[in-house]
Protein backbone atom coordinates (compact mmCIF):
# COMPACT_ATOMS: atom_id res chain seq x y z
CA UNK A 1 -0.09 0.24 0.09
CA UNK A 2 2.61 2.49 1.16
CA UNK A 3 4.98 1.57 -2.45
CA UNK A 4 1.11 2.54 -4.49
CA UNK A 5 0.80 5.75 -2.64
CA UNK A 6 4.54 6.96 -3.18
CA UNK A 7 3.94 5.86 -6.84
CA UNK A 8 0.84 7.66 -7.35
CA UNK A 9 2.32 10.80 -5.66
CA UNK A 10 5.65 11.02 -7.81
CA UNK A 11 3.42 10.66 -11.09
CA UNK A 12 1.12 13.29 -9.88
CA UNK A 13 4.47 15.89 -8.92
CA UNK A 14 5.53 15.09 -12.43
CA UNK A 15 2.49 15.69 -14.10
CA UNK A 16 2.14 19.25 -12.20
CA UNK A 17 5.97 19.93 -13.09
CA UNK A 18 4.95 19.18 -16.96
CA UNK A 19 1.97 21.60 -16.59
CA UNK A 20 3.64 24.03 -15.13
CA UNK A 21 6.74 24.14 -17.40
CA UNK A 22 4.51 24.01 -20.43
CA UNK A 23 2.55 26.65 -18.86
CA UNK A 24 5.96 28.68 -18.62
CA UNK A 25 6.49 28.06 -22.26
CA UNK A 26 3.26 29.50 -23.33
CA UNK A 27 3.23 32.28 -21.25
CA UNK A 28 6.81 32.93 -22.37
CA UNK A 29 5.75 32.85 -26.03
CA UNK A 30 2.63 34.78 -25.51
CA UNK A 31 4.81 37.82 -24.32
CA UNK A 32 7.37 37.21 -27.07
CA UNK A 33 4.66 37.71 -29.28
CA UNK A 34 2.78 40.39 -27.45
CA UNK A 35 5.41 42.62 -26.19
CA UNK A 36 9.26 41.90 -27.49
CA UNK A 37 8.97 41.22 -31.30
CA UNK A 38 8.94 45.08 -32.09
CA UNK A 39 10.97 47.20 -30.09
CA UNK A 40 8.42 50.40 -28.90
CA UNK A 41 11.70 52.53 -29.36
CA UNK A 42 12.85 51.58 -32.91
CA UNK A 43 10.04 49.38 -34.50
CA UNK A 44 12.91 46.77 -34.98
CA UNK A 45 11.47 43.68 -35.62
CA UNK A 46 13.72 40.68 -33.43
CA UNK A 47 14.59 37.50 -35.34
CA UNK A 48 13.36 34.43 -33.93
CA UNK A 49 14.45 31.43 -35.25
CA UNK A 50 12.81 27.45 -34.36
CA UNK A 51 14.57 24.41 -34.99
CA UNK A 52 13.49 20.96 -33.87
CA UNK A 53 15.51 18.85 -31.22
CA UNK A 54 15.24 15.34 -30.63
CA UNK A 55 16.41 13.55 -27.35
CA UNK A 56 14.62 16.14 -24.53
CA UNK A 57 12.09 14.23 -22.36
CA UNK A 58 12.21 16.01 -19.58
CA UNK A 59 11.86 19.84 -18.43
CA UNK A 60 15.81 19.49 -17.06
CA UNK A 61 16.57 19.01 -20.63
CA UNK A 62 14.88 21.87 -22.06
CA UNK A 63 16.72 23.86 -19.68
CA UNK A 64 20.17 21.92 -20.31
CA UNK A 65 19.33 23.21 -23.94
CA UNK A 66 18.45 26.87 -23.06
CA UNK A 67 21.80 27.26 -20.94
CA UNK A 68 23.93 26.03 -24.10
CA UNK A 69 22.01 28.06 -26.86
CA UNK A 70 22.18 31.37 -24.44
CA UNK A 71 25.97 30.72 -24.76
CA UNK A 72 26.06 32.17 -28.22
CA UNK A 73 26.82 36.15 -28.39
CA UNK A 74 24.27 36.55 -30.43
CA UNK A 75 21.08 34.94 -28.91
CA UNK A 76 18.85 37.45 -26.71
CA UNK A 77 17.35 34.32 -25.02
CA UNK A 78 16.13 30.65 -26.22
CA UNK A 79 12.85 28.68 -25.00
CA UNK A 80 13.00 25.10 -25.10
CA UNK A 81 9.88 22.99 -25.23
CA UNK A 82 10.59 19.16 -24.49
CA UNK A 83 7.22 17.78 -25.61
CA UNK A 84 7.37 19.70 -28.65
CA UNK A 85 10.83 18.56 -29.12
CA UNK A 86 11.82 22.47 -30.29
CA UNK A 87 13.78 25.35 -28.97
CA UNK A 88 13.03 28.71 -30.00
CA UNK A 89 16.10 31.08 -30.42
CA UNK A 90 15.66 34.55 -30.35
CA UNK A 91 18.50 37.01 -31.92
CA UNK A 92 19.87 40.15 -30.69
CA UNK A 93 18.79 43.14 -32.71
CA UNK A 94 21.58 43.61 -35.44
CA UNK A 95 23.05 40.17 -34.93
CA UNK A 96 24.09 37.30 -37.45
CA UNK A 97 23.76 33.69 -36.47
CA UNK A 98 24.63 30.81 -38.21
CA UNK A 99 22.87 27.19 -38.16
CA UNK A 100 26.05 25.60 -37.33
CA UNK A 101 26.65 27.61 -34.21
CA UNK A 102 23.02 26.44 -33.09
CA UNK A 103 23.49 22.81 -34.47
CA UNK A 104 27.13 22.67 -32.62
CA UNK A 105 25.22 23.78 -29.01
CA UNK A 106 22.32 21.35 -29.29
CA UNK A 107 25.06 18.88 -29.77
CA UNK A 108 26.92 20.23 -26.63
CA UNK A 109 23.91 19.83 -24.83
CA UNK A 110 24.07 15.98 -25.73
CA UNK A 111 20.85 16.19 -27.81
CA UNK A 112 20.13 15.73 -31.85
CA UNK A 113 19.52 18.86 -33.78
CA UNK A 114 16.86 18.52 -36.49
CA UNK A 115 15.55 21.08 -39.06
CA UNK A 116 14.88 25.01 -38.85
CA UNK A 117 10.94 24.97 -38.37
CA UNK A 118 9.82 28.38 -40.95
CA UNK A 119 6.67 29.81 -39.24
């Protein structure tokens, strides 16, 4: 009986963690689309790139990927989604980033890079 209770509790905590992580990602995506894509001071559209990333299976995975991607100098920030198996990268204004840099950082985080998703 005790093992069943503990197992159920662990599953419940995992589900709640995943829901919270997804909610944070959805909220961040809304913020980006509503507030951050166009700078109010100079009306410059920030570049947003989305790439497939395979091998993420938890919130810790997407945190590790974001940490690696954010090390690229021209990256403003990134948001990984382990459920969708993708990462969204916002590039700093007037910066250039190469696919090769992104693929290398994805590999450094021990994941498999996929194609760029055009939206």
